[in-house]
Amino acid sequence: MFDIIIWAGAVLVLAGIAGLIWCVLKVIRARRARLDDDALRVVLQSVVPLNLAALLVSALGLMLVAVGVILG
């Protein structure tokens, strides 16, 4: 039973890392496009909530892995 919790946590961690990588790539593309300050600010403001959500998902996944390992 605890194996399911560990694997679910691992999937969440990987999803969170994928989200973080996507955020980084989006910002790099925006910087390479040489946008002006206002346009770059709009891109960054759209990335911040997604970045925080990816961090939350990753942290929840790590918590699930830790709980699964401790209880298992």
Protein backbone atom coordinates (compact mmCIF):
# COMPACT_ATOMS: atom_id res chain seq x y z
CA MET A 1 0.00 0.00 0.00
CA PHE A 2 2.77 2.45 0.86
CA ASP A 3 4.41 1.70 -2.48
CA ILE A 4 1.48 3.45 -4.14
CA ILE A 5 2.05 6.55 -2.00
CA ILE A 6 5.76 6.56 -2.85
CA TRP A 7 5.15 6.18 -6.59
CA ALA A 8 2.40 8.81 -6.58
CA GLY A 9 4.78 11.18 -4.82
CA ALA A 10 7.50 10.43 -7.36
CA VAL A 11 5.09 11.21 -10.20
CA LEU A 12 4.18 14.52 -8.55
CA VAL A 13 7.84 15.38 -8.07
CA LEU A 14 8.55 14.70 -11.74
CA ALA A 15 5.52 16.74 -12.80
CA GLY A 16 6.70 19.63 -10.62
CA ILE A 17 10.21 19.48 -12.06
CA ALA A 18 8.77 19.42 -15.58
CA GLY A 19 6.74 22.52 -14.73
CA LEU A 20 9.81 24.29 -13.39
CA ILE A 21 11.80 23.44 -16.52
CA TRP A 22 8.94 24.72 -18.68
CA CYS A 23 8.93 28.02 -16.74
CA VAL A 24 12.68 28.41 -17.18
CA LEU A 25 12.45 27.72 -20.90
CA LYS A 26 9.63 30.22 -21.31
CA VAL A 27 11.67 32.96 -19.61
CA ILE A 28 14.77 32.11 -21.64
CA ARG A 29 12.75 32.34 -24.87
CA ALA A 30 11.35 35.70 -23.78
CA ARG A 31 14.82 37.05 -22.97
CA ARG A 32 16.24 35.84 -26.27
CA ALA A 33 13.39 37.55 -28.12
CA ARG A 34 14.81 40.86 -26.86
CA LEU A 35 11.44 42.10 -25.68
CA ASP A 36 11.12 45.55 -24.21
CA ASP A 37 10.74 45.93 -20.45
CA ASP A 38 6.94 46.03 -20.43
CA ALA A 39 6.54 42.95 -22.61
CA LEU A 40 9.14 41.03 -20.61
CA ARG A 41 7.38 42.03 -17.38
CA VAL A 42 4.10 40.64 -18.74
CA VAL A 43 5.77 37.33 -19.59
CA LEU A 44 7.42 37.12 -16.18
CA GLN A 45 4.16 37.94 -14.41
CA SER A 46 2.44 35.13 -16.28
CA VAL A 47 5.20 32.67 -15.34
CA VAL A 48 5.30 33.41 -11.60
CA PRO A 49 2.00 31.68 -10.66
CA LEU A 50 2.91 28.64 -12.76
CA ASN A 51 6.33 28.54 -11.15
CA LEU A 52 4.82 28.63 -7.66
CA ALA A 53 2.30 25.94 -8.60
CA ALA A 54 5.11 23.72 -9.91
CA LEU A 55 7.03 24.23 -6.68
CA LEU A 56 3.94 23.34 -4.66
CA VAL A 57 3.33 20.16 -6.66
CA SER A 58 6.95 19.15 -6.29
CA ALA A 59 6.93 19.81 -2.53
CA LEU A 60 3.73 17.82 -2.08
CA GLY A 61 5.30 14.97 -4.03
CA LEU A 62 8.37 15.03 -1.81
CA MET A 63 6.13 14.96 1.26
CA LEU A 64 4.27 11.94 -0.08
CA VAL A 65 7.54 10.12 -0.77
CA ALA A 66 8.80 10.90 2.72
CA VAL A 67 5.55 9.76 4.36
CA GLY A 68 5.51 6.59 2.28
CA VAL A 69 9.10 5.76 3.20
CA ILE A 70 8.62 6.50 6.90
CA LEU A 71 5.37 4.54 7.23
CA GLY A 72 6.46 1.74 4.92
